[in-house]
Amino acid sequence: MGKEGLSPSAFAYEKMYHALSQHGDITPTMWDSICAISSFRRFPKGELLQEEGRGCRHIYFIVKGICSCFLQQEDRESVLAFAKEGEFCTSCHSLFSKNSSFLNIKTLEPTEVICIPATGHETLCREYPEIACLFYKLLELHVCKLEEMICRMRCFDAMERVTHFMQTDNQKELIKRIPQYYIASYLNMAPETFSKILKSFLSMRSE
């Protein structure tokens, strides 16, 4: 059972309702429609939720766990973003363009999600303009975050990128949960470089 005696599925939907309601009102009819097309699922660590070369099938709401969004370059994963509890995750390019995804999305921990089918999302947005506005606001946040990250990667040096990462509360907790080479990839540096800079940063903070 989940929080306050709720089943895992009911707890998951409660969390998604809370996340969506931060961006607008949700009527009972709207919520019933969202619940009707979606499903609660569990995935083991290392599961591919989205594979490059395939069309987007779902929008995922992360109830528990962490996912990485990455490009596969030969034998190397280039991490572009992480998604964790309380966040939505999908291949936006594929979802909106209807083309194949550039991205892979993989679970880095055993992960619980609510899956919203891409086709169902389109139907909801046509039937309920309010739901379209909710998802538009989520997309706004995603685009702003992406633009900020691009600027940091282009303009910040390695030490500045690590410092910013470690000073962002919703990011630095990842250090405790996933291997550091994923974070190094996200910050566009070699694992050895990240480890060296992180030690220097932590040493300066402890003085």
N, C-alpha and C. Protein backbone atom coordinates (compact mmCIF):
# COMPACT_ATOMS: atom_id res chain seq x y z
N MET A 1 0.84 -1.20 0.00
CA MET A 1 0.00 0.00 0.00
C MET A 1 0.87 1.25 0.00
N GLY A 2 0.38 2.31 -0.61
CA GLY A 2 1.14 3.56 -0.68
C GLY A 2 0.81 4.47 0.47
N LYS A 3 1.01 5.74 0.25
CA LYS A 3 0.79 6.74 1.28
C LYS A 3 -0.65 6.71 1.79
N GLU A 4 -0.80 6.74 3.12
CA GLU A 4 -2.10 6.80 3.77
C GLU A 4 -3.01 5.65 3.33
N GLY A 5 -2.42 4.47 3.12
CA GLY A 5 -3.21 3.30 2.80
C GLY A 5 -3.65 3.17 1.36
N LEU A 6 -3.24 4.07 0.49
CA LEU A 6 -3.61 3.98 -0.92
C LEU A 6 -2.87 2.84 -1.59
N SER A 7 -3.49 2.25 -2.59
CA SER A 7 -2.79 1.27 -3.40
C SER A 7 -1.71 1.98 -4.21
N PRO A 8 -0.67 1.25 -4.69
CA PRO A 8 0.37 1.91 -5.50
C PRO A 8 -0.21 2.66 -6.71
N SER A 9 -1.22 2.08 -7.34
CA SER A 9 -1.81 2.73 -8.51
C SER A 9 -2.54 4.01 -8.11
N ALA A 10 -3.33 3.95 -7.04
CA ALA A 10 -4.07 5.13 -6.59
C ALA A 10 -3.11 6.23 -6.13
N PHE A 11 -2.04 5.84 -5.45
CA PHE A 11 -1.04 6.81 -5.01
C PHE A 11 -0.38 7.48 -6.21
N ALA A 12 -0.10 6.68 -7.26
CA ALA A 12 0.52 7.21 -8.47
C ALA A 12 -0.37 8.26 -9.12
N TYR A 13 -1.65 7.96 -9.24
CA TYR A 13 -2.57 8.91 -9.86
C TYR A 13 -2.75 10.15 -9.01
N GLU A 14 -2.70 9.98 -7.69
CA GLU A 14 -2.78 11.15 -6.82
C GLU A 14 -1.60 12.09 -7.06
N LYS A 15 -0.41 11.50 -7.23
CA LYS A 15 0.78 12.32 -7.49
C LYS A 15 0.67 13.04 -8.83
N MET A 16 0.17 12.35 -9.86
CA MET A 16 0.04 13.00 -11.16
C MET A 16 -1.01 14.10 -11.12
N TYR A 17 -2.10 13.86 -10.40
CA TYR A 17 -3.13 14.90 -10.26
C TYR A 17 -2.52 16.15 -9.62
N HIS A 18 -1.74 15.95 -8.57
CA HIS A 18 -1.11 17.08 -7.89
C HIS A 18 -0.18 17.82 -8.84
N ALA A 19 0.62 17.08 -9.62
CA ALA A 19 1.56 17.70 -10.55
C ALA A 19 0.84 18.52 -11.61
N LEU A 20 -0.23 17.97 -12.18
CA LEU A 20 -0.97 18.68 -13.22
C LEU A 20 -1.72 19.88 -12.66
N SER A 21 -2.27 19.73 -11.47
CA SER A 21 -3.09 20.80 -10.90
C SER A 21 -2.28 22.03 -10.52
N GLN A 22 -0.94 21.90 -10.51
CA GLN A 22 -0.10 23.07 -10.28
C GLN A 22 -0.18 24.06 -11.44
N HIS A 23 -0.68 23.59 -12.59
CA HIS A 23 -0.69 24.41 -13.80
C HIS A 23 -2.08 24.81 -14.26
N GLY A 24 -3.10 24.41 -13.50
CA GLY A 24 -4.45 24.79 -13.87
C GLY A 24 -5.48 23.90 -13.19
N ASP A 25 -6.73 24.30 -13.27
CA ASP A 25 -7.80 23.53 -12.66
C ASP A 25 -8.11 22.28 -13.48
N ILE A 26 -8.43 21.21 -12.78
CA ILE A 26 -8.81 19.96 -13.43
C ILE A 26 -10.19 19.57 -12.95
N THR A 27 -11.15 19.54 -13.84
CA THR A 27 -12.51 19.16 -13.46
C THR A 27 -12.59 17.64 -13.31
N PRO A 28 -13.58 17.15 -12.56
CA PRO A 28 -13.74 15.69 -12.43
C PRO A 28 -13.86 14.98 -13.77
N THR A 29 -14.57 15.60 -14.71
CA THR A 29 -14.74 14.97 -16.03
C THR A 29 -13.41 14.88 -16.77
N MET A 30 -12.63 15.95 -16.70
CA MET A 30 -11.31 15.93 -17.33
C MET A 30 -10.43 14.85 -16.71
N TRP A 31 -10.44 14.78 -15.39
CA TRP A 31 -9.59 13.81 -14.71
C TRP A 31 -10.02 12.38 -15.03
N ASP A 32 -11.33 12.14 -15.07
CA ASP A 32 -11.81 10.80 -15.43
C ASP A 32 -11.33 10.41 -16.82
N SER A 33 -11.32 11.37 -17.74
CA SER A 33 -10.88 11.08 -19.11
C SER A 33 -9.39 10.76 -19.15
N ILE A 34 -8.60 11.50 -18.37
CA ILE A 34 -7.16 11.23 -18.31
C ILE A 34 -6.91 9.84 -17.74
N CYS A 35 -7.60 9.51 -16.66
CA CYS A 35 -7.42 8.20 -16.03
C CYS A 35 -7.85 7.06 -16.95
N ALA A 36 -8.90 7.32 -17.73
CA ALA A 36 -9.46 6.27 -18.59
C ALA A 36 -8.49 5.82 -19.67
N ILE A 37 -7.65 6.72 -20.16
CA ILE A 37 -6.76 6.35 -21.27
C ILE A 37 -5.35 5.96 -20.80
N SER A 38 -5.05 6.19 -19.54
CA SER A 38 -3.69 5.97 -19.05
C SER A 38 -3.60 4.70 -18.23
N SER A 39 -2.36 4.31 -17.90
CA SER A 39 -2.16 3.08 -17.12
C SER A 39 -0.94 3.23 -16.22
N PHE A 40 -0.99 2.55 -15.09
CA PHE A 40 0.12 2.53 -14.14
C PHE A 40 0.98 1.31 -14.44
N ARG A 41 2.31 1.53 -14.54
CA ARG A 41 3.21 0.41 -14.85
C ARG A 41 4.50 0.52 -14.05
N ARG A 42 5.13 -0.62 -13.82
CA ARG A 42 6.44 -0.70 -13.19
C ARG A 42 7.44 -1.25 -14.20
N PHE A 43 8.66 -0.68 -14.18
CA PHE A 43 9.71 -1.14 -15.07
C PHE A 43 10.98 -1.40 -14.25
N PRO A 44 11.75 -2.42 -14.62
CA PRO A 44 13.01 -2.66 -13.93
C PRO A 44 14.08 -1.65 -14.37
N LYS A 45 15.15 -1.60 -13.64
CA LYS A 45 16.30 -0.78 -14.02
C LYS A 45 16.82 -1.22 -15.38
N GLY A 46 17.14 -0.24 -16.23
CA GLY A 46 17.71 -0.55 -17.54
C GLY A 46 16.70 -0.77 -18.64
N GLU A 47 15.42 -0.53 -18.37
CA GLU A 47 14.37 -0.73 -19.38
C GLU A 47 14.31 0.47 -20.32
N LEU A 48 14.24 0.20 -21.63
CA LEU A 48 14.08 1.26 -22.62
C LEU A 48 12.59 1.60 -22.75
N LEU A 49 12.22 2.80 -22.38
CA LEU A 49 10.84 3.24 -22.53
C LEU A 49 10.60 3.86 -23.90
N GLN A 50 11.66 4.43 -24.47
CA GLN A 50 11.60 5.02 -25.82
C GLN A 50 12.89 4.66 -26.53
N GLU A 51 12.77 4.20 -27.75
CA GLU A 51 13.94 3.81 -28.52
C GLU A 51 14.07 4.69 -29.75
N GLU A 52 15.29 5.13 -30.02
CA GLU A 52 15.52 5.95 -31.21
C GLU A 52 15.11 5.17 -32.46
N GLY A 53 14.63 5.91 -33.45
CA GLY A 53 14.18 5.27 -34.68
C GLY A 53 12.74 4.80 -34.64
N ARG A 54 12.12 4.90 -33.47
CA ARG A 54 10.71 4.53 -33.33
C ARG A 54 9.88 5.75 -32.95
N GLY A 55 8.64 5.74 -33.33
CA GLY A 55 7.77 6.85 -33.00
C GLY A 55 7.43 6.89 -31.52
N CYS A 56 7.09 8.06 -31.04
CA CYS A 56 6.70 8.23 -29.64
C CYS A 56 5.34 7.56 -29.42
N ARG A 57 5.29 6.69 -28.42
CA ARG A 57 4.03 6.01 -28.12
C ARG A 57 3.39 6.50 -26.83
N HIS A 58 4.21 7.03 -25.91
CA HIS A 58 3.67 7.42 -24.61
C HIS A 58 4.32 8.69 -24.07
N ILE A 59 3.57 9.40 -23.25
CA ILE A 59 4.11 10.39 -22.33
C ILE A 59 4.14 9.70 -20.98
N TYR A 60 5.28 9.79 -20.30
CA TYR A 60 5.42 9.12 -19.01
C TYR A 60 5.44 10.13 -17.87
N PHE A 61 4.65 9.86 -16.86
CA PHE A 61 4.75 10.61 -15.61
C PHE A 61 5.50 9.73 -14.62
N ILE A 62 6.63 10.25 -14.11
CA ILE A 62 7.48 9.46 -13.24
C ILE A 62 6.95 9.54 -11.81
N VAL A 63 6.48 8.42 -11.31
CA VAL A 63 5.98 8.33 -9.94
C VAL A 63 7.13 8.04 -8.98
N LYS A 64 7.98 7.13 -9.38
CA LYS A 64 9.12 6.72 -8.56
C LYS A 64 10.24 6.28 -9.49
N GLY A 65 11.47 6.76 -9.21
CA GLY A 65 12.61 6.36 -10.04
C GLY A 65 13.19 7.52 -10.84
N ILE A 66 14.15 7.18 -11.69
CA ILE A 66 14.84 8.16 -12.54
C ILE A 66 15.01 7.57 -13.93
N CYS A 67 14.82 8.41 -14.93
CA CYS A 67 15.07 8.02 -16.32
C CYS A 67 16.10 8.97 -16.93
N SER A 68 16.87 8.47 -17.86
CA SER A 68 17.77 9.32 -18.64
C SER A 68 17.28 9.39 -20.07
N CYS A 69 17.40 10.58 -20.65
CA CYS A 69 17.11 10.78 -22.07
C CYS A 69 18.46 10.96 -22.76
N PHE A 70 18.77 10.10 -23.72
CA PHE A 70 20.12 10.12 -24.27
C PHE A 70 20.16 9.78 -25.75
N LEU A 71 21.25 10.21 -26.39
CA LEU A 71 21.57 9.81 -27.75
C LEU A 71 22.58 8.68 -27.68
N GLN A 72 22.40 7.67 -28.51
CA GLN A 72 23.35 6.57 -28.56
C GLN A 72 24.36 6.86 -29.66
N GLN A 73 25.62 7.06 -29.28
CA GLN A 73 26.68 7.35 -30.23
C GLN A 73 27.72 6.25 -30.15
N GLU A 74 27.62 5.31 -31.09
CA GLU A 74 28.42 4.10 -31.08
C GLU A 74 28.22 3.38 -29.75
N ASP A 75 29.27 3.26 -28.92
CA ASP A 75 29.10 2.55 -27.65
C ASP A 75 28.96 3.51 -26.48
N ARG A 76 28.65 4.79 -26.76
CA ARG A 76 28.57 5.80 -25.72
C ARG A 76 27.17 6.42 -25.67
N GLU A 77 26.67 6.61 -24.45
CA GLU A 77 25.40 7.28 -24.25
C GLU A 77 25.66 8.75 -23.91
N SER A 78 25.14 9.65 -24.73
CA SER A 78 25.26 11.08 -24.46
C SER A 78 23.96 11.56 -23.83
N VAL A 79 24.01 11.80 -22.52
CA VAL A 79 22.81 12.13 -21.76
C VAL A 79 22.42 13.59 -21.98
N LEU A 80 21.17 13.81 -22.35
CA LEU A 80 20.66 15.16 -22.58
C LEU A 80 19.82 15.66 -21.42
N ALA A 81 19.20 14.74 -20.69
CA ALA A 81 18.32 15.17 -19.60
C ALA A 81 18.03 13.98 -18.69
N PHE A 82 17.60 14.30 -17.48
CA PHE A 82 17.10 13.31 -16.53
C PHE A 82 15.65 13.66 -16.20
N ALA A 83 14.87 12.65 -15.87
CA ALA A 83 13.51 12.87 -15.37
C ALA A 83 13.33 12.00 -14.14
N LYS A 84 12.81 12.60 -13.09
CA LYS A 84 12.63 11.85 -11.85
C LYS A 84 11.25 12.13 -11.28
N GLU A 85 11.03 11.69 -10.05
CA GLU A 85 9.72 11.76 -9.43
C GLU A 85 9.03 13.11 -9.63
N GLY A 86 7.77 13.04 -10.05
CA GLY A 86 6.98 14.26 -10.20
C GLY A 86 7.14 14.95 -11.54
N GLU A 87 7.92 14.35 -12.45
CA GLU A 87 8.18 14.99 -13.75
C GLU A 87 7.63 14.14 -14.89
N PHE A 88 7.38 14.80 -16.02
CA PHE A 88 6.94 14.11 -17.22
C PHE A 88 8.13 13.89 -18.15
N CYS A 89 8.03 12.84 -18.95
CA CYS A 89 9.16 12.47 -19.81
C CYS A 89 8.62 11.87 -21.11
N THR A 90 9.13 12.36 -22.23
CA THR A 90 8.77 11.79 -23.53
C THR A 90 9.74 12.31 -24.57
N SER A 91 9.62 11.83 -25.79
CA SER A 91 10.35 12.40 -26.91
C SER A 91 9.47 13.47 -27.54
N CYS A 92 9.70 14.72 -27.16
CA CYS A 92 8.84 15.82 -27.65
C CYS A 92 8.89 15.94 -29.16
N HIS A 93 10.08 15.79 -29.74
CA HIS A 93 10.21 15.91 -31.19
C HIS A 93 9.33 14.90 -31.90
N SER A 94 9.38 13.66 -31.44
CA SER A 94 8.59 12.61 -32.08
C SER A 94 7.10 12.79 -31.80
N LEU A 95 6.77 13.20 -30.57
CA LEU A 95 5.37 13.38 -30.19
C LEU A 95 4.67 14.40 -31.08
N PHE A 96 5.34 15.53 -31.34
CA PHE A 96 4.69 16.61 -32.07
C PHE A 96 4.92 16.54 -33.58
N SER A 97 6.06 16.01 -34.02
CA SER A 97 6.35 15.96 -35.45
C SER A 97 5.81 14.69 -36.12
N LYS A 98 5.52 13.67 -35.30
CA LYS A 98 5.09 12.35 -35.79
C LYS A 98 6.22 11.60 -36.49
N ASN A 99 7.43 12.12 -36.39
CA ASN A 99 8.59 11.42 -36.95
C ASN A 99 9.21 10.50 -35.92
N SER A 100 10.18 9.71 -36.36
CA SER A 100 10.87 8.80 -35.44
C SER A 100 11.68 9.60 -34.42
N SER A 101 11.84 9.02 -33.25
CA SER A 101 12.55 9.70 -32.17
C SER A 101 14.06 9.68 -32.39
N PHE A 102 14.72 10.80 -32.05
CA PHE A 102 16.18 10.81 -31.98
C PHE A 102 16.66 10.21 -30.66
N LEU A 103 15.78 10.28 -29.66
CA LEU A 103 16.17 9.98 -28.29
C LEU A 103 15.87 8.54 -27.90
N ASN A 104 16.64 8.10 -26.90
CA ASN A 104 16.31 6.92 -26.13
C ASN A 104 15.95 7.39 -24.72
N ILE A 105 15.02 6.72 -24.09
CA ILE A 105 14.69 6.98 -22.70
C ILE A 105 14.82 5.67 -21.94
N LYS A 106 15.64 5.68 -20.89
CA LYS A 106 15.94 4.46 -20.16
C LYS A 106 15.80 4.68 -18.66
N THR A 107 15.29 3.67 -17.96
CA THR A 107 15.20 3.75 -16.51
C THR A 107 16.58 3.50 -15.90
N LEU A 108 16.95 4.34 -14.94
CA LEU A 108 18.22 4.19 -14.23
C LEU A 108 18.04 3.55 -12.86
N GLU A 109 16.80 3.41 -12.46
CA GLU A 109 16.40 2.73 -11.22
C GLU A 109 15.12 1.95 -11.53
N PRO A 110 14.76 0.99 -10.68
CA PRO A 110 13.40 0.45 -10.81
C PRO A 110 12.42 1.62 -10.75
N THR A 111 11.53 1.68 -11.72
CA THR A 111 10.75 2.91 -11.93
C THR A 111 9.26 2.61 -12.07
N GLU A 112 8.45 3.46 -11.46
CA GLU A 112 7.01 3.38 -11.59
C GLU A 112 6.53 4.60 -12.37
N VAL A 113 5.67 4.37 -13.33
CA VAL A 113 5.20 5.46 -14.19
C VAL A 113 3.72 5.34 -14.45
N ILE A 114 3.13 6.45 -14.85
CA ILE A 114 1.81 6.44 -15.49
C ILE A 114 2.04 6.72 -16.96
N CYS A 115 1.54 5.84 -17.80
CA CYS A 115 1.72 5.95 -19.25
C CYS A 115 0.48 6.58 -19.87
N ILE A 116 0.68 7.70 -20.56
CA ILE A 116 -0.39 8.36 -21.30
C ILE A 116 -0.11 8.14 -22.78
N PRO A 117 -0.93 7.37 -23.49
CA PRO A 117 -0.67 7.13 -24.92
C PRO A 117 -0.62 8.42 -25.72
N ALA A 118 0.30 8.49 -26.66
CA ALA A 118 0.42 9.69 -27.48
C ALA A 118 -0.87 9.99 -28.24
N THR A 119 -1.52 8.97 -28.76
CA THR A 119 -2.78 9.18 -29.49
C THR A 119 -3.88 9.65 -28.54
N GLY A 120 -3.86 9.10 -27.32
CA GLY A 120 -4.85 9.52 -26.33
C GLY A 120 -4.65 10.96 -25.90
N HIS A 121 -3.39 11.36 -25.82
CA HIS A 121 -3.06 12.75 -25.48
C HIS A 121 -3.65 13.70 -26.52
N GLU A 122 -3.53 13.35 -27.78
CA GLU A 122 -4.07 14.19 -28.85
C GLU A 122 -5.59 14.31 -28.73
N THR A 123 -6.24 13.18 -28.45
CA THR A 123 -7.69 13.18 -28.32
C THR A 123 -8.14 14.05 -27.15
N LEU A 124 -7.44 13.91 -26.03
CA LEU A 124 -7.78 14.72 -24.85
C LEU A 124 -7.65 16.21 -25.14
N CYS A 125 -6.57 16.58 -25.83
CA CYS A 125 -6.34 18.00 -26.12
C CYS A 125 -7.38 18.56 -27.07
N ARG A 126 -7.90 17.72 -27.97
CA ARG A 126 -8.97 18.18 -28.87
C ARG A 126 -10.28 18.34 -28.12
N GLU A 127 -10.56 17.41 -27.22
CA GLU A 127 -11.84 17.42 -26.52
C GLU A 127 -11.88 18.44 -25.38
N TYR A 128 -10.72 18.67 -24.77
CA TYR A 128 -10.67 19.55 -23.60
C TYR A 128 -9.57 20.60 -23.80
N PRO A 129 -9.92 21.81 -24.22
CA PRO A 129 -8.92 22.87 -24.36
C PRO A 129 -8.14 23.11 -23.07
N GLU A 130 -8.79 22.86 -21.93
CA GLU A 130 -8.12 23.06 -20.65
C GLU A 130 -6.94 22.10 -20.48
N ILE A 131 -7.11 20.88 -20.95
CA ILE A 131 -6.01 19.91 -20.88
C ILE A 131 -4.89 20.32 -21.83
N ALA A 132 -5.25 20.83 -23.00
CA ALA A 132 -4.23 21.32 -23.94
C ALA A 132 -3.41 22.44 -23.28
N CYS A 133 -4.09 23.31 -22.52
CA CYS A 133 -3.38 24.40 -21.83
C CYS A 133 -2.44 23.86 -20.77
N LEU A 134 -2.88 22.83 -20.05
CA LEU A 134 -2.03 22.22 -19.02
C LEU A 134 -0.74 21.69 -19.64
N PHE A 135 -0.89 20.94 -20.72
CA PHE A 135 0.30 20.36 -21.35
C PHE A 135 1.15 21.44 -22.03
N TYR A 136 0.49 22.50 -22.51
CA TYR A 136 1.26 23.61 -23.08
C TYR A 136 2.14 24.25 -22.02
N LYS A 137 1.62 24.39 -20.81
CA LYS A 137 2.41 24.97 -19.74
C LYS A 137 3.58 24.06 -19.36
N LEU A 138 3.35 22.76 -19.37
CA LEU A 138 4.44 21.81 -19.11
C LEU A 138 5.49 21.91 -20.20
N LEU A 139 5.04 22.08 -21.45
CA LEU A 139 5.98 22.22 -22.56
C LEU A 139 6.78 23.51 -22.43
N GLU A 140 6.14 24.58 -21.99
CA GLU A 140 6.85 25.85 -21.76
C GLU A 140 8.01 25.65 -20.79
N LEU A 141 7.73 24.97 -19.68
CA LEU A 141 8.77 24.72 -18.68
C LEU A 141 9.90 23.90 -19.27
N HIS A 142 9.55 22.90 -20.07
CA HIS A 142 10.55 22.04 -20.69
C HIS A 142 11.44 22.83 -21.64
N VAL A 143 10.84 23.68 -22.46
CA VAL A 143 11.60 24.46 -23.44
C VAL A 143 12.52 25.45 -22.73
N CYS A 144 12.02 26.10 -21.67
CA CYS A 144 12.86 27.04 -20.92
C CYS A 144 14.05 26.33 -20.29
N LYS A 145 13.79 25.16 -19.72
CA LYS A 145 14.86 24.39 -19.10
C LYS A 145 15.88 23.95 -20.14
N LEU A 146 15.40 23.54 -21.32
CA LEU A 146 16.29 23.09 -22.38
C LEU A 146 17.16 24.24 -22.89
N GLU A 147 16.57 25.42 -23.08
CA GLU A 147 17.33 26.57 -23.56
C GLU A 147 18.40 26.97 -22.54
N GLU A 148 18.03 26.93 -21.26
CA GLU A 148 19.00 27.25 -20.22
C GLU A 148 20.17 26.27 -20.24
N MET A 149 19.85 24.98 -20.41
CA MET A 149 20.91 23.98 -20.43
C MET A 149 21.84 24.17 -21.62
N ILE A 150 21.27 24.48 -22.79
CA ILE A 150 22.09 24.70 -23.98
C ILE A 150 23.05 25.87 -23.75
N CYS A 151 22.55 26.94 -23.15
CA CYS A 151 23.41 28.09 -22.86
C CYS A 151 24.54 27.72 -21.90
N ARG A 152 24.23 26.95 -20.87
CA ARG A 152 25.27 26.55 -19.92
C ARG A 152 26.32 25.69 -20.60
N MET A 153 25.88 24.77 -21.44
CA MET A 153 26.83 23.87 -22.10
C MET A 153 27.75 24.63 -23.06
N ARG A 154 27.23 25.70 -23.67
CA ARG A 154 28.02 26.46 -24.63
C ARG A 154 28.88 27.54 -23.99
N CYS A 155 28.41 28.11 -22.87
CA CYS A 155 29.06 29.30 -22.31
C CYS A 155 29.83 29.05 -21.01
N PHE A 156 29.46 28.02 -20.26
CA PHE A 156 30.11 27.75 -18.98
C PHE A 156 31.30 26.83 -19.18
N ASP A 157 32.37 27.05 -18.40
CA ASP A 157 33.46 26.09 -18.43
C ASP A 157 33.08 24.91 -17.53
N ALA A 158 33.97 23.91 -17.49
CA ALA A 158 33.64 22.66 -16.79
C ALA A 158 33.35 22.90 -15.31
N MET A 159 34.17 23.72 -14.65
CA MET A 159 33.97 23.99 -13.24
C MET A 159 32.64 24.69 -13.00
N GLU A 160 32.27 25.62 -13.86
CA GLU A 160 31.01 26.34 -13.72
C GLU A 160 29.82 25.40 -13.92
N ARG A 161 29.95 24.45 -14.85
CA ARG A 161 28.85 23.51 -15.08
C ARG A 161 28.64 22.61 -13.86
N VAL A 162 29.74 22.12 -13.29
CA VAL A 162 29.62 21.27 -12.10
C VAL A 162 29.08 22.08 -10.92
N THR A 163 29.57 23.29 -10.75
CA THR A 163 29.12 24.14 -9.64
C THR A 163 27.62 24.41 -9.75
N HIS A 164 27.15 24.76 -10.93
CA HIS A 164 25.72 25.01 -11.12
C HIS A 164 24.90 23.77 -10.81
N PHE A 165 25.37 22.64 -11.28
CA PHE A 165 24.67 21.38 -11.04
C PHE A 165 24.56 21.10 -9.55
N MET A 166 25.65 21.28 -8.82
CA MET A 166 25.67 20.96 -7.40
C MET A 166 24.92 21.99 -6.56
N GLN A 167 24.67 23.15 -7.11
CA GLN A 167 23.94 24.18 -6.37
C GLN A 167 22.45 24.18 -6.69
N THR A 168 22.03 23.27 -7.56
CA THR A 168 20.62 23.15 -7.92
C THR A 168 20.02 21.99 -7.14
N ASP A 169 19.14 22.29 -6.20
CA ASP A 169 18.65 21.29 -5.27
C ASP A 169 18.03 20.08 -5.94
N ASN A 170 17.28 20.29 -7.02
CA ASN A 170 16.61 19.16 -7.64
C ASN A 170 17.53 18.36 -8.56
N GLN A 171 18.80 18.77 -8.64
CA GLN A 171 19.77 18.04 -9.46
C GLN A 171 20.80 17.31 -8.61
N LYS A 172 21.30 17.98 -7.57
CA LYS A 172 22.44 17.42 -6.85
C LYS A 172 22.11 16.11 -6.14
N GLU A 173 20.83 15.84 -5.86
CA GLU A 173 20.48 14.57 -5.23
C GLU A 173 20.77 13.38 -6.14
N LEU A 174 20.89 13.63 -7.45
CA LEU A 174 21.19 12.53 -8.37
C LEU A 174 22.55 11.91 -8.08
N ILE A 175 23.47 12.70 -7.50
CA ILE A 175 24.80 12.19 -7.15
C ILE A 175 24.69 10.95 -6.27
N LYS A 176 23.67 10.93 -5.40
CA LYS A 176 23.52 9.84 -4.45
C LYS A 176 22.79 8.63 -5.04
N ARG A 177 22.22 8.81 -6.24
CA ARG A 177 21.31 7.78 -6.74
C ARG A 177 21.78 7.09 -8.02
N ILE A 178 22.61 7.74 -8.80
CA ILE A 178 23.02 7.13 -10.07
C ILE A 178 24.52 7.22 -10.24
N PRO A 179 25.13 6.36 -11.06
CA PRO A 179 26.57 6.42 -11.29
C PRO A 179 27.00 7.77 -11.83
N GLN A 180 28.16 8.22 -11.39
CA GLN A 180 28.62 9.56 -11.75
C GLN A 180 28.87 9.73 -13.25
N TYR A 181 29.13 8.62 -13.96
CA TYR A 181 29.42 8.79 -15.39
C TYR A 181 28.19 9.27 -16.16
N TYR A 182 26.99 9.02 -15.64
CA TYR A 182 25.79 9.57 -16.28
C TYR A 182 25.76 11.09 -16.13
N ILE A 183 26.11 11.56 -14.95
CA ILE A 183 26.11 13.00 -14.71
C ILE A 183 27.22 13.67 -15.51
N ALA A 184 28.38 13.01 -15.59
CA ALA A 184 29.48 13.54 -16.40
C ALA A 184 29.04 13.69 -17.86
N SER A 185 28.35 12.69 -18.37
CA SER A 185 27.85 12.76 -19.74
C SER A 185 26.88 13.92 -19.91
N TYR A 186 25.98 14.08 -18.96
CA TYR A 186 25.01 15.19 -19.00
C TYR A 186 25.71 16.53 -19.01
N LEU A 187 26.82 16.65 -18.26
CA LEU A 187 27.56 17.91 -18.18
C LEU A 187 28.62 18.03 -19.28
N ASN A 188 28.62 17.06 -20.20
CA ASN A 188 29.48 17.09 -21.39
C ASN A 188 30.96 17.11 -21.02
N MET A 189 31.35 16.14 -20.20
CA MET A 189 32.76 16.01 -19.84
C MET A 189 33.08 14.55 -19.55
N ALA A 190 34.36 14.24 -19.56
CA ALA A 190 34.78 12.88 -19.26
C ALA A 190 34.52 12.56 -17.78
N PRO A 191 34.23 11.30 -17.45
CA PRO A 191 34.01 10.94 -16.05
C PRO A 191 35.17 11.32 -15.14
N GLU A 192 36.40 11.18 -15.65
CA GLU A 192 37.57 11.53 -14.84
C GLU A 192 37.60 13.03 -14.53
N THR A 193 37.23 13.83 -15.53
CA THR A 193 37.19 15.28 -15.32
C THR A 193 36.13 15.65 -14.29
N PHE A 194 34.96 15.04 -14.42
CA PHE A 194 33.89 15.33 -13.47
C PHE A 194 34.29 14.94 -12.05
N SER A 195 34.88 13.76 -11.91
CA SER A 195 35.30 13.30 -10.57
C SER A 195 36.30 14.26 -9.95
N LYS A 196 37.26 14.73 -10.74
CA LYS A 196 38.29 15.65 -10.24
C LYS A 196 37.67 16.98 -9.82
N ILE A 197 36.79 17.53 -10.67
CA ILE A 197 36.18 18.82 -10.36
C ILE A 197 35.24 18.70 -9.17
N LEU A 198 34.51 17.59 -9.09
CA LEU A 198 33.59 17.40 -7.97
C LEU A 198 34.35 17.35 -6.65
N LYS A 199 35.48 16.66 -6.62
CA LYS A 199 36.29 16.61 -5.40
C LYS A 199 36.77 18.01 -5.02
N SER A 200 37.17 18.79 -6.03
CA SER A 200 37.62 20.16 -5.77
C SER A 200 36.48 21.00 -5.25
N PHE A 201 35.29 20.87 -5.84
CA PHE A 201 34.13 21.63 -5.39
C PHE A 201 33.76 21.28 -3.95
N LEU A 202 33.72 20.00 -3.63
CA LEU A 202 33.35 19.57 -2.29
C LEU A 202 34.39 19.99 -1.26
N SER A 203 35.65 20.01 -1.70
CA SER A 203 36.72 20.43 -0.80
C SER A 203 36.59 21.92 -0.46
N MET A 204 36.27 22.73 -1.45
CA MET A 204 36.10 24.16 -1.23
C MET A 204 34.89 24.44 -0.34
N ARG A 205 33.82 23.63 -0.48
CA ARG A 205 32.63 23.83 0.32
C ARG A 205 32.86 23.46 1.79
N SER A 206 33.79 22.54 2.04
CA SER A 206 34.04 22.06 3.40
C SER A 206 34.99 22.95 4.17
N GLU A 207 35.68 23.87 3.47
CA GLU A 207 36.66 24.74 4.13
C GLU A 207 35.96 25.82 4.96
